[in-house]
Amino acid sequence: MGSDNNTGMERRLLVSPKSRSDGGDESSAAGDGALTWSVFIQELKRLGYIAGPMVAVNLSQYLLQVISLMMVGHLGELELSSTAIAVSLSSVTGFSVLIGMSSALETLCGQAYGAGQYRKLGTQTYTAVFCLLLACIPLTLLWLNMESILIFVGQDPTISHEVGKLQIWLVPSLFAYALAQPILRYLQAQSLVAPMLTTAGVTVCFHVPLCWGLVFKSGLRNVGAALAMCLSNWLSFVILALYVKCSPSCAKTRVPVSMELFRDIGVFFRYAVPSTVMICSLEWWSFELVVLLSGLLPNPELETSTIATLYSIPFGLGAAASTRVSNELGRGNPEAARVSVRTVMSVAAAEALLVSSSLFMSRRVFGYSFSDEKEVVDYVTKMAPLLCLSVIMDSLQGVLSGVARGCGWQHIGAYINLGAFYLCGFPVGIVLGFWTNLRGMGLWIGVLVGAVAQTVLLFVVTMCTNWEKQASNARKMIVEG
């Protein structure tokens, strides 16, 4: 009898999305899955409400690094290159891993919120915080020994010493990330974007004068930039934590810490591991490996001075796609999820053309953001066409990866990303970068080849998705635990 009741409840939830206060209009608008103009405009507004602030949030996180590099760039090429490598290694070995692990909550919290399982959001967030803090322990040991590792793999000893020193100063940022990222996903799943946007703005405004003072006035030079990043990341966490604790908007999903968080560790890692591989393998490591490998090329200071900063926009769009798709699948609303995917892909294509065109037209002055050296500016100008193509591919695959996280098939995305990059893009980049005269451009071509392969495969998988089955699987996971 109990099983029959549960089955009946699940069936009612699957066919009654209007019982959710925020899902009724979406269901009626997208009931047949047809993307008419009115449906497109409605979905565009919903995506824009989430995507705009998420773009700002991701951009602010990246701006902490970019602003620091801009200021350090005026100290000299050695300071710029060592800081660039330190920031890149921090992303490769630390920040990207924590962001990837926390992305499991885009599936777990997003679908739970859509299904009305509010208590699970708080419990899963605590589980994520615990697991991310555990991950910080081996990452810290790695960072403390970074100088020796870089010398062992053939990096310049002078740069390796500077990088190792900076990595030690960046260790506190690891723990700030481990605490803040699950909170960001917790808020994202509920479309509570205003506190994230406010936190991002306050953090950037705080970071600019702080970094300027620590770099130029305190005598710390590039160490001051690392310290400023740590303080800014901790400020971001404190603001978010205070909002979650005090805001009535989080009342229904805010739960006390309990032993229940340990029960979901296995489920969390089931999504966290492939989420990390999917986000890190190409979306992060591909670019960072280009920066790191460029240190093995002649004139490493110049090769490591061209830092891309434009991935925040598609990453924010991907976050919006993940939220909308996971919420709708949790509600048992497959047609609305399908409409969300079609709409966000259209937005991503338009954004890619706009950003790449703007970047190409400003290619002759873009380099001055990072250095006053004419050689660096000329090199960035030469690399601009490849960077524009990379922006287009990143925009499309960033959104498709967000769809994958919303659906909960991170394992498929992980296999695609690993194959596209390590079996396709990375070998091409190594051959062109070291066995020809293309050097840094050859490495970028390899990244672009991998991005094209990844985007095509993710697009095929998304177009072949059975959305009714995805909604059924989401309901089974949430209702049956």
Protein backbone atom coordinates (compact mmCIF):
# COMPACT_ATOMS: atom_id res chain seq x y z
CA MET A 1 0.00 0.00 0.00
CA GLY A 2 2.84 2.41 0.89
CA SER A 3 4.52 1.77 -2.49
CA ASP A 4 1.25 2.43 -4.34
CA ASN A 5 0.81 5.71 -2.48
CA ASN A 6 4.32 6.83 -3.36
CA THR A 7 3.80 5.91 -6.99
CA GLY A 8 0.55 7.84 -7.06
CA MET A 9 2.16 10.87 -5.47
CA GLU A 10 4.99 10.79 -7.99
CA ARG A 11 2.54 10.51 -10.88
CA ARG A 12 0.54 13.51 -9.62
CA LEU A 13 3.71 15.57 -9.28
CA LEU A 14 4.82 14.63 -12.76
CA VAL A 15 1.59 15.71 -14.40
CA SER A 16 0.80 18.71 -12.20
CA PRO A 17 3.54 21.29 -12.65
CA LYS A 18 0.99 24.07 -12.08
CA SER A 19 0.95 23.12 -8.43
CA ARG A 20 4.24 24.99 -8.21
CA SER A 21 3.60 28.70 -7.84
CA ASP A 22 6.33 29.64 -10.31
CA GLY A 23 5.82 26.92 -12.88
CA GLY A 24 2.23 27.17 -14.06
CA ASP A 25 2.68 29.78 -16.74
CA GLU A 26 5.77 28.05 -18.05
CA SER A 27 3.93 24.81 -18.43
CA SER A 28 1.09 26.32 -20.39
CA ALA A 29 3.40 28.41 -22.53
CA ALA A 30 5.66 25.56 -23.45
CA GLY A 31 3.23 22.69 -23.19
CA ASP A 32 3.81 21.42 -26.70
CA GLY A 33 7.53 22.25 -26.81
CA ALA A 34 7.05 24.63 -29.75
CA LEU A 35 9.36 27.64 -29.70
CA THR A 36 7.00 30.37 -30.85
CA TRP A 37 8.00 34.04 -30.63
CA SER A 38 5.92 34.66 -27.49
CA VAL A 39 7.31 31.56 -25.79
CA PHE A 40 10.83 32.60 -26.80
CA ILE A 41 10.38 36.08 -25.28
CA GLN A 42 8.99 34.66 -22.03
CA GLU A 43 11.82 32.18 -21.69
CA LEU A 44 14.36 34.84 -22.65
CA LYS A 45 13.17 36.96 -19.72
CA ARG A 46 13.50 34.06 -17.30
CA LEU A 47 16.97 33.21 -18.57
CA GLY A 48 18.02 36.84 -18.54
CA TYR A 49 16.92 37.23 -14.95
CA ILE A 50 19.35 34.46 -13.97
CA ALA A 51 22.05 34.80 -16.63
CA GLY A 52 22.74 38.52 -16.28
CA PRO A 53 23.65 38.40 -12.59
CA MET A 54 25.48 35.07 -13.02
CA VAL A 55 27.62 36.59 -15.77
CA ALA A 56 28.44 39.43 -13.37
CA VAL A 57 29.22 36.97 -10.56
CA ASN A 58 31.56 34.86 -12.67
CA LEU A 59 33.13 37.93 -14.22
CA SER A 60 33.78 39.41 -10.78
CA GLN A 61 35.55 36.23 -9.68
CA TYR A 62 37.74 36.40 -12.75
CA LEU A 63 38.22 40.14 -12.42
CA LEU A 64 39.95 39.63 -9.10
CA GLN A 65 42.69 37.85 -11.03
CA VAL A 66 42.64 40.19 -14.02
CA ILE A 67 42.84 43.37 -11.93
CA SER A 68 45.73 41.90 -9.97
CA LEU A 69 47.55 41.00 -13.20
CA MET A 70 46.95 44.44 -14.66
CA MET A 71 48.55 46.11 -11.66
CA VAL A 72 51.42 43.64 -11.41
CA GLY A 73 52.03 44.08 -15.14
CA HIS A 74 53.33 47.59 -14.46
CA LEU A 75 56.03 46.22 -12.15
CA GLY A 76 57.91 44.39 -14.92
CA GLU A 77 57.79 41.31 -17.13
CA LEU A 78 59.20 38.94 -14.49
CA GLU A 79 56.56 39.94 -11.94
CA LEU A 80 53.84 39.71 -14.58
CA SER A 81 54.85 36.28 -15.88
CA SER A 82 55.39 34.76 -12.41
CA THR A 83 52.06 36.12 -11.17
CA ALA A 84 50.32 34.93 -14.35
CA ILE A 85 51.68 31.41 -13.89
CA ALA A 86 50.78 31.43 -10.18
CA VAL A 87 47.22 32.51 -10.95
CA SER A 88 47.00 29.92 -13.74
CA LEU A 89 48.28 27.14 -11.50
CA SER A 90 45.85 28.20 -8.80
CA SER A 91 43.03 27.78 -11.31
CA VAL A 92 44.35 24.50 -12.70
CA THR A 93 45.09 22.74 -9.43
CA GLY A 94 42.70 24.40 -7.01
CA PHE A 95 39.92 26.79 -7.93
CA SER A 96 38.72 24.83 -10.97
CA VAL A 97 38.58 21.62 -8.92
CA LEU A 98 36.46 23.25 -6.20
CA ILE A 99 34.18 24.93 -8.72
CA GLY A 100 33.82 21.63 -10.58
CA MET A 101 32.95 19.72 -7.41
CA SER A 102 30.42 22.31 -6.29
CA SER A 103 28.76 22.11 -9.72
CA ALA A 104 27.25 18.81 -8.61
CA LEU A 105 24.80 20.96 -6.67
CA GLU A 106 23.50 22.38 -9.95
CA THR A 107 21.95 18.97 -10.50
CA LEU A 108 21.13 18.00 -6.92
CA CYS A 109 19.88 21.33 -5.59
CA GLY A 110 18.34 22.49 -8.87
CA GLN A 111 16.19 19.40 -9.33
CA ALA A 112 15.35 19.21 -5.62
CA TYR A 113 14.12 22.80 -5.64
CA GLY A 114 12.03 22.18 -8.75
CA ALA A 115 10.45 19.18 -7.01
CA GLY A 116 9.73 21.16 -3.85
CA GLN A 117 12.18 19.14 -1.72
CA TYR A 118 13.46 22.21 0.11
CA ARG A 119 15.12 20.51 3.06
CA LYS A 120 17.38 18.61 0.70
CA LEU A 121 18.89 21.87 -0.57
CA GLY A 122 20.29 22.78 2.84
CA THR A 123 21.52 19.26 3.59
CA GLN A 124 23.20 18.85 0.21
CA THR A 125 24.88 22.24 0.59
CA TYR A 126 26.38 21.20 3.93
CA THR A 127 27.56 17.97 2.34
CA ALA A 128 29.26 19.93 -0.43
CA VAL A 129 31.00 22.26 2.04
CA PHE A 130 32.33 19.29 4.01
CA CYS A 131 33.60 17.51 0.90
CA LEU A 132 35.22 20.65 -0.54
CA LEU A 133 37.03 21.38 2.72
CA LEU A 134 38.39 17.82 2.66
CA ALA A 135 39.61 18.39 -0.90
CA CYS A 136 41.50 21.50 0.25
CA ILE A 137 43.91 19.40 2.33
CA PRO A 138 45.77 17.66 -0.54
CA LEU A 139 45.51 20.79 -2.67
CA THR A 140 47.23 22.81 0.05
CA LEU A 141 50.08 20.31 0.24
CA LEU A 142 50.45 20.55 -3.53
CA TRP A 143 50.61 24.35 -3.46
CA LEU A 144 53.18 24.40 -0.65
CA ASN A 145 55.53 22.34 -2.84
CA MET A 146 54.84 24.13 -6.12
CA GLU A 147 58.33 25.64 -6.49
CA SER A 148 60.01 22.22 -6.40
CA ILE A 149 57.45 20.77 -8.81
CA LEU A 150 57.96 23.56 -11.36
CA ILE A 151 61.74 23.20 -11.27
CA PHE A 152 61.36 19.43 -11.67
CA VAL A 153 59.25 19.83 -14.84
CA GLY A 154 61.75 22.26 -16.38
CA GLN A 155 60.43 25.72 -15.58
CA ASP A 156 62.84 28.62 -15.18
CA PRO A 157 64.22 28.58 -11.57
CA THR A 158 63.78 32.32 -11.09
CA ILE A 159 60.14 32.24 -12.18
CA SER A 160 59.58 29.00 -10.22
CA HIS A 161 60.76 30.64 -7.01
CA GLU A 162 58.44 33.59 -7.48
CA VAL A 163 55.52 31.32 -8.35
CA GLY A 164 56.12 29.11 -5.31
CA LYS A 165 56.14 32.13 -3.03
CA LEU A 166 52.88 33.42 -4.46
CA GLN A 167 51.20 30.00 -4.22
CA ILE A 168 51.79 29.95 -0.47
CA TRP A 169 50.11 33.33 -0.11
CA LEU A 170 47.14 32.11 -2.16
CA VAL A 171 46.41 29.09 0.08
CA PRO A 172 43.77 30.91 2.20
CA SER A 173 41.80 31.56 -0.98
CA LEU A 174 41.32 27.81 -1.38
CA PHE A 175 39.32 27.58 1.82
CA ALA A 176 37.34 30.70 0.98
CA TYR A 177 36.37 29.07 -2.33
CA ALA A 178 35.46 25.80 -0.60
CA LEU A 179 33.01 27.67 1.62
CA ALA A 180 31.62 30.16 -0.91
CA GLN A 181 31.06 27.98 -3.99
CA PRO A 182 28.41 25.69 -2.43
CA ILE A 183 26.55 28.78 -1.18
CA LEU A 184 26.59 30.23 -4.70
CA ARG A 185 25.11 27.00 -6.11
CA TYR A 186 22.55 26.90 -3.28
CA LEU A 187 21.37 30.41 -4.17
CA GLN A 188 21.56 29.74 -7.91
CA ALA A 189 19.25 26.73 -7.62
CA GLN A 190 16.60 29.02 -6.11
CA SER A 191 17.20 31.84 -8.62
CA LEU A 192 18.22 34.13 -5.75
CA VAL A 193 20.53 36.16 -7.93
CA ALA A 194 20.29 39.57 -6.24
CA PRO A 195 22.54 38.71 -3.26
CA MET A 196 25.12 37.15 -5.58
CA LEU A 197 25.12 40.25 -7.78
CA THR A 198 25.46 42.57 -4.79
CA THR A 199 28.28 40.48 -3.35
CA ALA A 200 30.12 40.50 -6.68
CA GLY A 201 29.90 44.28 -6.97
CA VAL A 202 31.02 44.92 -3.40
CA THR A 203 33.92 42.50 -3.73
CA VAL A 204 35.28 44.08 -6.92
CA CYS A 205 34.94 47.59 -5.52
CA PHE A 206 36.77 46.46 -2.40
CA HIS A 207 39.50 44.67 -4.37
CA VAL A 208 40.56 47.55 -6.63
CA PRO A 209 41.81 50.00 -3.96
CA LEU A 210 43.03 47.16 -1.75
CA CYS A 211 45.14 45.63 -4.54
CA TRP A 212 46.48 49.03 -5.59
CA GLY A 213 47.57 49.82 -2.05
CA LEU A 214 49.16 46.43 -1.38
CA VAL A 215 50.98 46.31 -4.74
CA PHE A 216 52.26 49.87 -5.06
CA LYS A 217 52.18 51.41 -1.57
CA SER A 218 52.96 48.63 0.91
CA GLY A 219 56.16 47.42 -0.76
CA LEU A 220 54.76 43.89 -1.13
CA ARG A 221 54.65 44.18 -4.95
CA ASN A 222 53.28 40.95 -6.51
CA VAL A 223 52.83 39.35 -3.07
CA GLY A 224 50.43 42.20 -2.34
CA ALA A 225 48.30 41.10 -5.29
CA ALA A 226 48.06 37.56 -3.91
CA LEU A 227 47.14 38.87 -0.46
CA ALA A 228 44.47 41.15 -1.95
CA MET A 229 42.89 38.21 -3.78
CA CYS A 230 42.72 36.23 -0.53
CA LEU A 231 41.07 39.05 1.41
CA SER A 232 38.58 39.72 -1.37
CA ASN A 233 37.58 36.05 -1.62
CA TRP A 234 37.01 35.86 2.12
CA LEU A 235 34.92 39.03 2.03
CA SER A 236 32.73 37.44 -0.65
CA PHE A 237 32.14 34.37 1.51
CA VAL A 238 31.29 36.41 4.61
CA ILE A 239 28.68 38.48 2.76
CA LEU A 240 27.03 35.39 1.22
CA ALA A 241 27.01 33.51 4.53
CA LEU A 242 25.39 36.43 6.34
CA TYR A 243 22.69 36.65 3.68
CA VAL A 244 21.84 32.95 3.90
CA LYS A 245 21.73 33.11 7.70
CA CYS A 246 19.61 36.25 7.99
CA SER A 247 17.46 36.52 4.86
CA PRO A 248 13.82 35.36 4.95
CA SER A 249 14.22 34.31 1.30
CA CYS A 250 16.25 31.31 2.49
CA ALA A 251 13.92 30.41 5.37
CA LYS A 252 12.30 27.39 3.69
CA THR A 253 15.61 25.88 2.55
CA ARG A 254 17.72 26.81 5.58
CA VAL A 255 18.27 23.80 7.84
CA PRO A 256 20.49 23.21 10.88
CA VAL A 257 23.73 21.27 10.55
CA SER A 258 23.13 17.60 11.35
CA MET A 259 24.62 14.16 10.84
CA GLU A 260 22.33 13.88 7.83
CA LEU A 261 25.00 15.60 5.71
CA PHE A 262 27.20 12.49 5.89
CA ARG A 263 24.44 10.33 4.39
CA ASP A 264 24.60 12.15 1.06
CA ILE A 265 28.39 12.06 0.58
CA GLY A 266 28.22 9.13 -1.83
CA VAL A 267 25.51 10.79 -3.93
CA PHE A 268 27.45 14.05 -3.97
CA PHE A 269 30.66 12.46 -5.22
CA ARG A 270 28.70 10.51 -7.85
CA TYR A 271 28.00 13.86 -9.50
CA ALA A 272 30.99 15.86 -8.22
CA VAL A 273 33.70 13.73 -9.81
CA PRO A 274 32.35 13.83 -13.39
CA SER A 275 31.34 17.48 -12.88
CA THR A 276 34.94 18.29 -12.01
CA VAL A 277 36.27 16.39 -14.99
CA MET A 278 33.74 18.00 -17.31
CA ILE A 279 34.46 21.57 -16.19
CA CYS A 280 38.20 21.18 -15.72
CA SER A 281 39.23 19.01 -18.65
CA LEU A 282 38.63 21.54 -21.42
CA GLU A 283 36.75 24.54 -20.08
CA TRP A 284 39.58 25.38 -17.68
CA TRP A 285 42.66 23.19 -17.99
CA SER A 286 42.97 23.59 -21.76
CA PHE A 287 43.61 27.32 -21.51
CA GLU A 288 45.67 27.08 -18.32
CA LEU A 289 47.86 24.36 -19.81
CA VAL A 290 48.55 26.66 -22.73
CA VAL A 291 49.75 29.30 -20.29
CA LEU A 292 51.86 26.80 -18.35
CA LEU A 293 53.37 25.10 -21.40
CA SER A 294 54.19 28.47 -22.90
CA GLY A 295 56.76 28.79 -20.12
CA LEU A 296 58.73 26.04 -21.87
CA LEU A 297 58.88 28.07 -25.09
CA PRO A 298 61.47 30.72 -25.88
CA ASN A 299 60.73 34.08 -24.17
CA PRO A 300 58.32 32.65 -21.56
CA GLU A 301 57.60 36.07 -20.04
CA LEU A 302 56.00 37.15 -23.31
CA GLU A 303 54.15 33.87 -23.94
CA THR A 304 52.53 33.91 -20.48
CA SER A 305 51.45 37.53 -20.66
CA THR A 306 48.44 36.94 -22.95
CA ILE A 307 45.63 35.95 -20.58
CA ALA A 308 42.09 35.34 -21.79
CA THR A 309 39.34 36.79 -19.60
CA LEU A 310 36.21 36.27 -21.65
CA TYR A 311 34.91 32.87 -20.50
CA SER A 312 32.82 34.40 -17.72
CA ILE A 313 29.95 35.27 -20.10
CA PRO A 314 29.27 31.76 -21.48
CA PHE A 315 29.90 30.28 -18.03
CA GLY A 316 27.18 32.56 -16.65
CA LEU A 317 24.83 31.58 -19.49
CA GLY A 318 25.61 27.94 -18.77
CA ALA A 319 24.71 28.48 -15.12
CA ALA A 320 21.37 29.96 -16.16
CA ALA A 321 20.74 27.02 -18.52
CA SER A 322 21.60 24.58 -15.74
CA THR A 323 19.22 26.27 -13.30
CA ARG A 324 16.29 26.45 -15.71
CA VAL A 325 16.71 22.89 -17.01
CA SER A 326 17.22 21.32 -13.57
CA ASN A 327 14.25 23.19 -12.07
CA GLU A 328 11.94 22.17 -14.90
CA LEU A 329 13.06 18.54 -14.85
CA GLY A 330 12.54 18.49 -11.10
CA ARG A 331 9.01 19.82 -11.64
CA GLY A 332 8.35 17.07 -14.18
CA ASN A 333 8.11 19.60 -17.01
CA PRO A 334 10.16 18.21 -19.94
CA GLU A 335 8.69 20.50 -22.61
CA ALA A 336 9.65 23.63 -20.68
CA ALA A 337 13.17 22.23 -20.29
CA ARG A 338 13.36 21.69 -24.06
CA VAL A 339 12.25 25.27 -24.70
CA SER A 340 14.87 26.57 -22.27
CA VAL A 341 17.61 24.73 -24.14
CA ARG A 342 16.57 26.09 -27.52
CA THR A 343 16.32 29.64 -26.21
CA VAL A 344 19.64 29.68 -24.39
CA MET A 345 21.42 28.25 -27.44
CA SER A 346 20.08 31.12 -29.52
CA VAL A 347 21.32 33.62 -26.94
CA ALA A 348 24.74 31.95 -26.82
CA ALA A 349 25.13 32.15 -30.58
CA ALA A 350 24.25 35.86 -30.62
CA GLU A 351 26.59 36.57 -27.68
CA ALA A 352 29.45 34.73 -29.38
CA LEU A 353 29.16 36.79 -32.55
CA LEU A 354 28.91 40.07 -30.63
CA VAL A 355 31.86 39.46 -28.31
CA SER A 356 34.15 37.99 -30.96
CA SER A 357 33.43 40.88 -33.34
CA SER A 358 34.13 43.45 -30.63
CA LEU A 359 37.34 41.69 -29.66
CA PHE A 360 38.57 41.55 -33.24
CA MET A 361 37.89 45.24 -33.83
CA SER A 362 39.79 46.19 -30.66
CA ARG A 363 42.68 43.79 -31.23
CA ARG A 364 45.28 46.56 -31.64
CA VAL A 365 44.62 48.10 -28.21
CA PHE A 366 43.54 45.07 -26.18
CA GLY A 367 47.10 44.18 -25.20
CA TYR A 368 47.63 47.47 -23.34
CA SER A 369 45.33 46.14 -20.61
CA PHE A 370 48.09 43.77 -19.53
CA SER A 371 51.37 45.49 -20.36
CA ASP A 372 52.97 48.65 -21.71
CA GLU A 373 55.50 46.58 -23.71
CA LYS A 374 54.99 46.97 -27.46
CA GLU A 375 56.14 43.41 -28.04
CA VAL A 376 53.37 42.07 -25.81
CA VAL A 377 50.75 44.30 -27.46
CA ASP A 378 51.81 43.17 -30.94
CA TYR A 379 51.71 39.53 -29.89
CA VAL A 380 48.16 39.88 -28.54
CA THR A 381 47.15 41.53 -31.82
CA LYS A 382 48.51 38.57 -33.77
CA MET A 383 46.68 36.09 -31.53
CA ALA A 384 43.33 37.93 -31.70
CA PRO A 385 41.78 35.97 -34.63
CA LEU A 386 42.37 32.66 -32.86
CA LEU A 387 41.03 34.10 -29.64
CA CYS A 388 37.86 35.22 -31.46
CA LEU A 389 37.27 31.70 -32.75
CA SER A 390 37.87 30.35 -29.26
CA VAL A 391 35.26 32.76 -27.87
CA ILE A 392 32.66 31.40 -30.31
CA MET A 393 33.38 27.78 -29.39
CA ASP A 394 33.53 28.54 -25.67
CA SER A 395 30.16 30.29 -25.77
CA LEU A 396 28.44 27.32 -27.35
CA GLN A 397 30.09 24.60 -25.30
CA GLY A 398 29.70 26.59 -22.07
CA VAL A 399 25.93 26.60 -22.50
CA LEU A 400 25.82 22.97 -23.59
CA SER A 401 27.83 22.00 -20.51
CA GLY A 402 25.32 23.87 -18.38
CA VAL A 403 22.51 21.86 -19.96
CA ALA A 404 24.43 18.68 -19.16
CA ARG A 405 24.78 19.69 -15.50
CA GLY A 406 21.08 20.53 -15.32
CA CYS A 407 20.16 17.12 -16.69
CA GLY A 408 22.59 15.25 -14.45
CA TRP A 409 24.55 13.52 -17.22
CA GLN A 410 27.90 14.94 -16.21
CA HIS A 411 29.49 11.55 -16.84
CA ILE A 412 28.68 11.84 -20.54
CA GLY A 413 30.05 15.37 -20.63
CA ALA A 414 33.19 14.19 -18.85
CA TYR A 415 33.88 11.51 -21.45
CA ILE A 416 33.28 13.98 -24.26
CA ASN A 417 35.55 16.63 -22.77
CA LEU A 418 38.37 14.23 -22.02
CA GLY A 419 38.24 12.73 -25.50
CA ALA A 420 37.96 16.08 -27.27
CA PHE A 421 40.87 17.61 -25.42
CA TYR A 422 43.33 14.85 -24.59
CA LEU A 423 42.82 12.71 -27.68
CA CYS A 424 42.32 15.53 -30.15
CA GLY A 425 43.13 19.09 -29.11
CA PHE A 426 46.10 18.62 -26.80
CA PRO A 427 48.19 16.43 -29.18
CA VAL A 428 47.57 18.89 -32.02
CA GLY A 429 48.67 21.78 -29.80
CA ILE A 430 51.85 20.00 -28.71
CA VAL A 431 52.84 19.21 -32.30
CA LEU A 432 52.14 22.72 -33.59
CA GLY A 433 53.56 24.49 -30.54
CA PHE A 434 56.85 22.65 -30.18
CA TRP A 435 57.59 20.93 -33.50
CA THR A 436 56.81 23.93 -35.70
CA ASN A 437 57.52 27.65 -35.48
CA LEU A 438 53.96 28.49 -34.41
CA ARG A 439 54.85 28.36 -30.68
CA GLY A 440 52.03 29.97 -28.63
CA MET A 441 49.77 30.18 -31.66
CA GLY A 442 50.19 26.45 -32.21
CA LEU A 443 49.10 25.75 -28.64
CA TRP A 444 46.02 27.91 -29.14
CA ILE A 445 45.16 26.09 -32.37
CA GLY A 446 45.21 22.84 -30.41
CA VAL A 447 42.81 24.30 -27.84
CA LEU A 448 40.52 25.44 -30.64
CA VAL A 449 40.52 22.00 -32.28
CA GLY A 450 39.55 20.43 -28.97
CA ALA A 451 36.81 23.03 -28.42
CA VAL A 452 35.29 22.34 -31.84
CA ALA A 453 35.24 18.58 -31.20
CA GLN A 454 33.71 19.06 -27.77
CA THR A 455 31.04 21.48 -28.97
CA VAL A 456 29.94 19.22 -31.84
CA LEU A 457 29.66 16.15 -29.60
CA LEU A 458 27.78 17.98 -26.84
CA PHE A 459 25.40 19.44 -29.42
CA VAL A 460 24.65 16.00 -30.86
CA VAL A 461 23.98 14.54 -27.41
CA THR A 462 21.72 17.47 -26.46
CA MET A 463 19.70 17.25 -29.67
CA CYS A 464 19.20 13.51 -29.14
CA THR A 465 18.07 13.88 -25.51
CA ASN A 466 14.76 12.30 -24.54
CA TRP A 467 13.40 15.04 -22.27
CA GLU A 468 10.48 12.99 -21.00
CA LYS A 469 12.91 10.31 -19.83
CA GLN A 470 15.15 12.94 -18.25
CA ALA A 471 12.20 14.33 -16.27
CA SER A 472 11.22 10.85 -15.13
CA ASN A 473 14.79 10.11 -14.01
CA ALA A 474 14.98 13.39 -12.11
CA ARG A 475 11.74 12.64 -10.28
CA LYS A 476 12.93 9.15 -9.44
CA MET A 477 16.19 10.49 -7.99
CA ILE A 478 14.46 13.15 -5.89
CA VAL A 479 11.39 11.23 -4.69
CA GLU A 480 13.12 7.90 -4.11
CA GLY A 481 16.27 9.55 -2.69
